[in-house]
Amino acid sequence: MLTEANPLSISGIRSRLGELAAAHQLFLFHEVESTNSTLSRLARSGVAEGTVVLAEGQTAGRGRLGQPWFSPTGVNLYMSVLFRGPLALEEAPVFSLIAGLALTDAVRAAGASPAIKWPNDVLVDGRKVGGALIECAARCGNVDHLIVGVGVNLNVDQEALATALGPAAAAATSLRAATGREVHRDAFAADYLNALDEWARRYRKEGPEPILTTWRGRDILTGRQVEVRGVGQPFVGRVAGVDSHGRLIVQDAVGDRRRVTVEEIRPCD
């Protein structure tokens, strides 16, 4: 499972960064609790926008809704990137969609065909290869800082996923399994950072519309029946897309359109 010949390297990543991403300050750790929690501490100490934390492994990696994220050492990508304002708190959900867009760009560059499952899970052939965890700190209605964390299964083998995840491994895969070849982790990290910076630039220059339009084109849930769990009673409905605030719209059995913000979404078909 461990690929010693393919360790992450700050110089290897930096040599592949474009002009927008060249100013990033990169921190690479062998092992952390999670890259998001590490970067959160750095953010509170005042580090600049664009600070990046990467780790070879995580001891307490987590995904959306607090679910644990399997984070074996030396094979995947665990990375968090810091953004600061100006950004109003109500803008953060749409801005955060850049995480999924950038990740699909990087997955495509690695040779696979990705899709997005709301809000920022990325799937290949219907199985999850990665996802994003967005954490936001606000002050007086504005974003003080926003952390975009990603975990991506690059070279972990299916046997390791099965051992760690049990039956849930049937819904997971890695890019190596999907493409049939090992993924160069420095190149993938740089591709992701370059894409993330470009999407952030577009948001700040052109507003939310390019983000929403592109995201909708990569969405895999619209038109599908799903179960929604997490706030109030679970219900089943059909996804009608996302609204202008990045919330998922689900039409329930009696025809009411409900807006989903933090709930768990499980496809039924």
Protein backbone atom coordinates (compact mmCIF):
# COMPACT_ATOMS: atom_id res chain seq x y z
CA MET A 1 0.00 0.00 0.00
CA LEU A 2 2.84 2.42 0.83
CA THR A 3 4.61 3.84 -2.20
CA GLU A 4 8.00 4.97 -0.91
CA ALA A 5 9.18 5.94 -4.41
CA ASN A 6 6.45 8.56 -4.69
CA PRO A 7 6.69 10.79 -1.60
CA LEU A 8 5.25 14.27 -1.67
CA SER A 9 7.77 17.04 -2.21
CA ILE A 10 7.31 20.79 -1.77
CA SER A 11 9.86 21.46 -4.50
CA GLY A 12 8.16 18.95 -6.79
CA ILE A 13 4.78 20.60 -6.28
CA ARG A 14 6.11 24.13 -6.52
CA SER A 15 7.91 23.43 -9.81
CA ARG A 16 4.52 22.62 -11.37
CA LEU A 17 2.55 25.59 -10.04
CA GLY A 18 1.31 28.26 -12.40
CA GLU A 19 1.62 31.99 -11.90
CA LEU A 20 -1.50 32.32 -9.73
CA ALA A 21 -0.45 29.55 -7.34
CA ALA A 22 3.24 30.44 -7.17
CA ALA A 23 2.75 32.63 -4.09
CA HIS A 24 1.39 29.80 -1.94
CA GLN A 25 3.23 29.04 1.27
CA LEU A 26 3.37 25.26 1.52
CA PHE A 27 3.71 23.23 4.72
CA LEU A 28 4.28 19.48 4.37
CA PHE A 29 3.95 17.19 7.39
CA HIS A 30 4.57 13.48 7.69
CA GLU A 31 1.47 12.98 9.84
CA VAL A 32 -1.14 15.26 11.39
CA GLU A 33 -4.48 14.82 13.09
CA SER A 34 -6.04 16.45 10.03
CA THR A 35 -4.83 19.05 7.57
CA ASN A 36 -7.92 21.18 8.24
CA SER A 37 -7.34 21.34 12.00
CA THR A 38 -3.63 22.09 11.46
CA LEU A 39 -4.42 24.90 9.04
CA SER A 40 -7.14 26.22 11.34
CA ARG A 41 -4.55 26.77 14.06
CA LEU A 42 -2.27 28.50 11.57
CA ALA A 43 -5.15 30.68 10.34
CA ARG A 44 -5.88 31.88 13.87
CA SER A 45 -2.20 32.81 14.24
CA GLY A 46 -2.54 35.13 11.23
CA VAL A 47 -0.94 33.31 8.29
CA ALA A 48 -1.71 34.74 4.87
CA GLU A 49 -4.34 33.66 2.35
CA GLY A 50 -2.99 30.92 0.16
CA THR A 51 -1.28 29.02 2.95
CA VAL A 52 -1.39 25.30 2.19
CA VAL A 53 -1.03 22.33 4.54
CA LEU A 54 -0.29 18.89 3.15
CA ALA A 55 0.33 15.64 4.99
CA GLU A 56 1.50 12.17 4.05
CA GLY A 57 -1.04 10.75 6.50
CA GLN A 58 -3.77 11.76 8.94
CA THR A 59 -4.61 10.16 12.27
CA ALA A 60 -8.10 11.68 12.50
CA GLY A 61 -9.04 12.72 8.99
CA ARG A 62 -12.68 13.58 8.61
CA GLY A 63 -15.17 14.23 5.89
CA ARG A 64 -18.49 16.01 5.70
CA LEU A 65 -20.87 15.58 8.68
CA GLY A 66 -17.94 14.48 10.85
CA GLN A 67 -17.53 11.13 9.15
CA PRO A 68 -14.00 9.64 9.45
CA TRP A 69 -11.81 9.75 6.35
CA PHE A 70 -9.45 6.79 5.82
CA SER A 71 -6.02 8.42 5.53
CA PRO A 72 -3.21 5.87 5.04
CA THR A 73 0.32 7.21 4.80
CA GLY A 74 2.22 7.74 1.57
CA VAL A 75 -0.39 6.95 -1.08
CA ASN A 76 -3.06 9.64 -1.31
CA LEU A 77 -3.53 13.41 -1.13
CA TYR A 78 -4.61 15.23 2.02
CA MET A 79 -4.47 19.00 1.59
CA SER A 80 -6.05 22.16 3.00
CA VAL A 81 -5.93 25.66 1.52
CA LEU A 82 -6.68 28.94 3.30
CA PHE A 83 -8.82 31.73 1.84
CA ARG A 84 -9.56 35.06 3.45
CA GLY A 85 -12.10 37.79 2.61
CA PRO A 86 -13.59 39.91 1.38
CA LEU A 87 -16.44 37.42 1.34
CA ALA A 88 -19.87 37.76 2.93
CA LEU A 89 -20.97 34.78 5.00
CA GLU A 90 -23.94 34.08 2.69
CA GLU A 91 -21.54 33.85 -0.27
CA ALA A 92 -19.45 31.08 1.28
CA PRO A 93 -21.62 28.10 0.15
CA VAL A 94 -21.33 29.02 -3.53
CA PHE A 95 -17.66 29.95 -3.22
CA SER A 96 -17.01 26.56 -1.61
CA LEU A 97 -18.24 24.78 -4.76
CA ILE A 98 -14.87 25.65 -6.31
CA ALA A 99 -13.46 22.72 -4.32
CA GLY A 100 -15.40 20.17 -6.34
CA LEU A 101 -14.72 21.96 -9.62
CA ALA A 102 -10.97 22.04 -9.00
CA LEU A 103 -10.95 18.41 -7.92
CA THR A 104 -12.77 17.27 -11.06
CA ASP A 105 -10.28 19.27 -13.14
CA ALA A 106 -7.36 17.48 -11.46
CA VAL A 107 -9.02 14.06 -11.76
CA ARG A 108 -9.63 14.67 -15.45
CA ALA A 109 -5.97 15.68 -15.92
CA ALA A 110 -5.02 12.34 -14.33
CA GLY A 111 -6.94 10.48 -17.02
CA ALA A 112 -10.32 9.71 -15.44
CA SER A 113 -13.86 10.97 -16.11
CA PRO A 114 -15.26 12.54 -12.91
CA ALA A 115 -18.64 13.80 -11.76
CA ILE A 116 -19.71 15.78 -8.69
CA LYS A 117 -22.16 14.60 -6.03
CA TRP A 118 -23.48 17.55 -4.03
CA PRO A 119 -21.84 19.41 -2.54
CA ASN A 120 -18.23 18.42 -3.25
CA ASP A 121 -17.84 14.65 -3.50
CA VAL A 122 -16.09 13.53 -6.68
CA LEU A 123 -16.98 10.19 -8.26
CA VAL A 124 -15.46 8.12 -11.04
CA ASP A 125 -17.65 5.39 -12.53
CA GLY A 126 -20.15 6.04 -9.75
CA ARG A 127 -17.64 5.44 -6.95
CA LYS A 128 -16.12 8.08 -4.69
CA VAL A 129 -12.46 8.99 -5.19
CA GLY A 130 -12.38 12.15 -3.11
CA GLY A 131 -14.23 14.90 -1.39
CA ALA A 132 -13.89 18.29 0.24
CA LEU A 133 -14.50 19.54 3.75
CA ILE A 134 -15.16 23.27 4.01
CA GLU A 135 -14.72 25.05 7.33
CA CYS A 136 -15.48 28.73 7.81
CA ALA A 137 -14.81 31.27 10.57
CA ALA A 138 -16.91 34.45 10.50
CA ARG A 139 -16.85 37.85 12.11
CA CYS A 140 -19.67 40.44 11.95
CA GLY A 141 -21.39 38.65 9.07
CA ASN A 142 -18.25 38.36 6.95
CA VAL A 143 -15.84 35.50 6.43
CA ASP A 144 -12.67 35.89 8.45
CA HIS A 145 -11.19 32.81 6.84
CA LEU A 146 -12.37 29.76 4.93
CA ILE A 147 -10.50 26.47 4.72
CA VAL A 148 -10.93 24.16 1.74
CA GLY A 149 -9.71 20.68 2.67
CA VAL A 150 -9.59 17.74 0.29
CA GLY A 151 -8.89 14.05 0.62
CA VAL A 152 -8.33 12.10 -2.59
CA ASN A 153 -7.73 8.37 -3.04
CA LEU A 154 -4.85 8.35 -5.48
CA ASN A 155 -2.82 5.14 -5.11
CA VAL A 156 -4.40 3.27 -2.20
CA ASP A 157 -5.34 -0.26 -3.27
CA GLN A 158 -8.84 -1.70 -3.12
CA GLU A 159 -7.84 -4.33 -0.58
CA ALA A 160 -6.77 -1.61 1.87
CA LEU A 161 -10.04 0.24 1.30
CA ALA A 162 -12.01 -2.95 1.93
CA THR A 163 -10.13 -3.65 5.15
CA ALA A 164 -10.63 -0.11 6.45
CA LEU A 165 -14.15 0.61 5.21
CA GLY A 166 -15.83 -2.78 5.18
CA PRO A 167 -19.00 -2.91 3.03
CA ALA A 168 -18.73 0.85 2.37
CA ALA A 169 -15.65 0.15 0.23
CA ALA A 170 -17.98 -0.94 -2.56
CA ALA A 171 -18.81 2.74 -3.08
CA ALA A 172 -15.16 3.88 -3.03
CA THR A 173 -12.27 3.65 -5.45
CA SER A 174 -8.89 5.20 -6.21
CA LEU A 175 -7.53 6.93 -9.28
CA ARG A 176 -4.97 4.18 -9.71
CA ALA A 177 -7.76 1.61 -9.80
CA ALA A 178 -9.76 3.75 -12.23
CA THR A 179 -6.92 4.52 -14.63
CA GLY A 180 -4.76 1.42 -14.27
CA ARG A 181 -1.61 3.39 -13.45
CA GLU A 182 0.02 5.04 -10.47
CA VAL A 183 -0.74 8.72 -9.99
CA HIS A 184 2.17 11.11 -9.48
CA ARG A 185 1.16 12.83 -6.27
CA ASP A 186 3.18 16.04 -6.74
CA ALA A 187 1.67 16.52 -10.19
CA PHE A 188 -1.85 15.87 -8.92
CA ALA A 189 -1.41 18.28 -5.99
CA ALA A 190 -0.15 20.99 -8.33
CA ASP A 191 -2.97 20.40 -10.82
CA TYR A 192 -5.48 20.76 -8.00
CA LEU A 193 -3.91 23.94 -6.62
CA ASN A 194 -3.68 25.52 -10.06
CA ALA A 195 -7.34 24.75 -10.75
CA LEU A 196 -8.48 25.90 -7.31
CA ASP A 197 -6.74 29.25 -7.74
CA GLU A 198 -8.22 29.72 -11.20
CA TRP A 199 -11.76 29.05 -9.94
CA ALA A 200 -11.25 31.40 -6.99
CA ARG A 201 -10.03 34.08 -9.39
CA ARG A 202 -13.08 33.60 -11.59
CA TYR A 203 -15.43 33.86 -8.63
CA ARG A 204 -13.85 37.08 -7.48
CA LYS A 205 -13.78 38.57 -10.97
CA GLU A 206 -17.07 37.31 -12.44
CA GLY A 207 -19.21 36.41 -9.42
CA PRO A 208 -21.07 33.16 -8.72
CA GLU A 209 -22.63 32.48 -12.14
CA PRO A 210 -19.61 30.79 -13.80
CA ILE A 211 -19.20 28.62 -10.71
CA LEU A 212 -22.86 27.57 -10.61
CA THR A 213 -23.12 27.03 -14.36
CA THR A 214 -20.03 24.80 -14.54
CA TRP A 215 -20.92 22.96 -11.35
CA ARG A 216 -24.38 22.13 -12.71
CA GLY A 217 -22.78 20.69 -15.82
CA ARG A 218 -20.75 18.27 -13.72
CA ASP A 219 -23.49 17.36 -11.23
CA ILE A 220 -24.56 13.73 -11.05
CA LEU A 221 -27.66 14.05 -8.84
CA THR A 222 -30.09 16.28 -10.74
CA GLY A 223 -33.10 14.24 -11.85
CA ARG A 224 -32.31 11.34 -9.52
CA GLN A 225 -34.31 10.11 -6.55
CA VAL A 226 -32.51 10.52 -3.22
CA GLU A 227 -33.05 10.03 0.48
CA VAL A 228 -32.32 13.08 2.64
CA ARG A 229 -31.25 12.53 6.25
CA GLY A 230 -29.93 14.69 9.04
CA VAL A 231 -32.32 17.58 9.84
CA GLY A 232 -35.86 16.66 10.87
CA GLN A 233 -37.52 13.54 9.52
CA PRO A 234 -35.78 11.73 6.64
CA PHE A 235 -37.59 12.00 3.33
CA VAL A 236 -37.29 10.79 -0.25
CA GLY A 237 -37.50 13.11 -3.23
CA ARG A 238 -36.16 13.94 -6.66
CA VAL A 239 -33.26 16.38 -7.08
CA ALA A 240 -34.15 19.50 -9.08
CA GLY A 241 -30.66 21.04 -9.04
CA VAL A 242 -28.99 23.73 -6.93
CA ASP A 243 -30.21 27.25 -6.27
CA SER A 244 -28.28 30.51 -6.53
CA HIS A 245 -26.95 30.01 -2.98
CA GLY A 246 -25.55 26.55 -3.68
CA ARG A 247 -28.30 24.73 -1.79
CA LEU A 248 -29.61 21.44 -3.17
CA ILE A 249 -33.27 21.56 -4.25
CA VAL A 250 -35.18 18.32 -3.64
CA GLN A 251 -38.83 17.90 -4.61
CA ASP A 252 -40.57 15.63 -2.12
CA ALA A 253 -43.42 13.16 -2.65
CA VAL A 254 -46.15 15.83 -2.34
CA GLY A 255 -44.43 18.18 -4.78
CA ASP A 256 -42.90 20.62 -2.29
CA ARG A 257 -39.43 21.87 -3.13
CA ARG A 258 -37.12 21.68 -0.13
CA ARG A 259 -33.73 23.36 0.09
CA VAL A 260 -30.99 21.19 1.57
CA THR A 261 -27.96 22.77 3.24
CA VAL A 262 -26.18 20.33 5.57
CA GLU A 263 -28.06 17.04 5.31
CA GLU A 264 -26.76 13.68 4.11
CA ILE A 265 -27.85 12.73 0.59
CA ARG A 266 -28.15 9.08 -0.44
CA PRO A 267 -29.07 8.22 -4.03
CA CYS A 268 -31.88 5.68 -4.25
CA ASP A 269 -31.18 4.53 -7.81
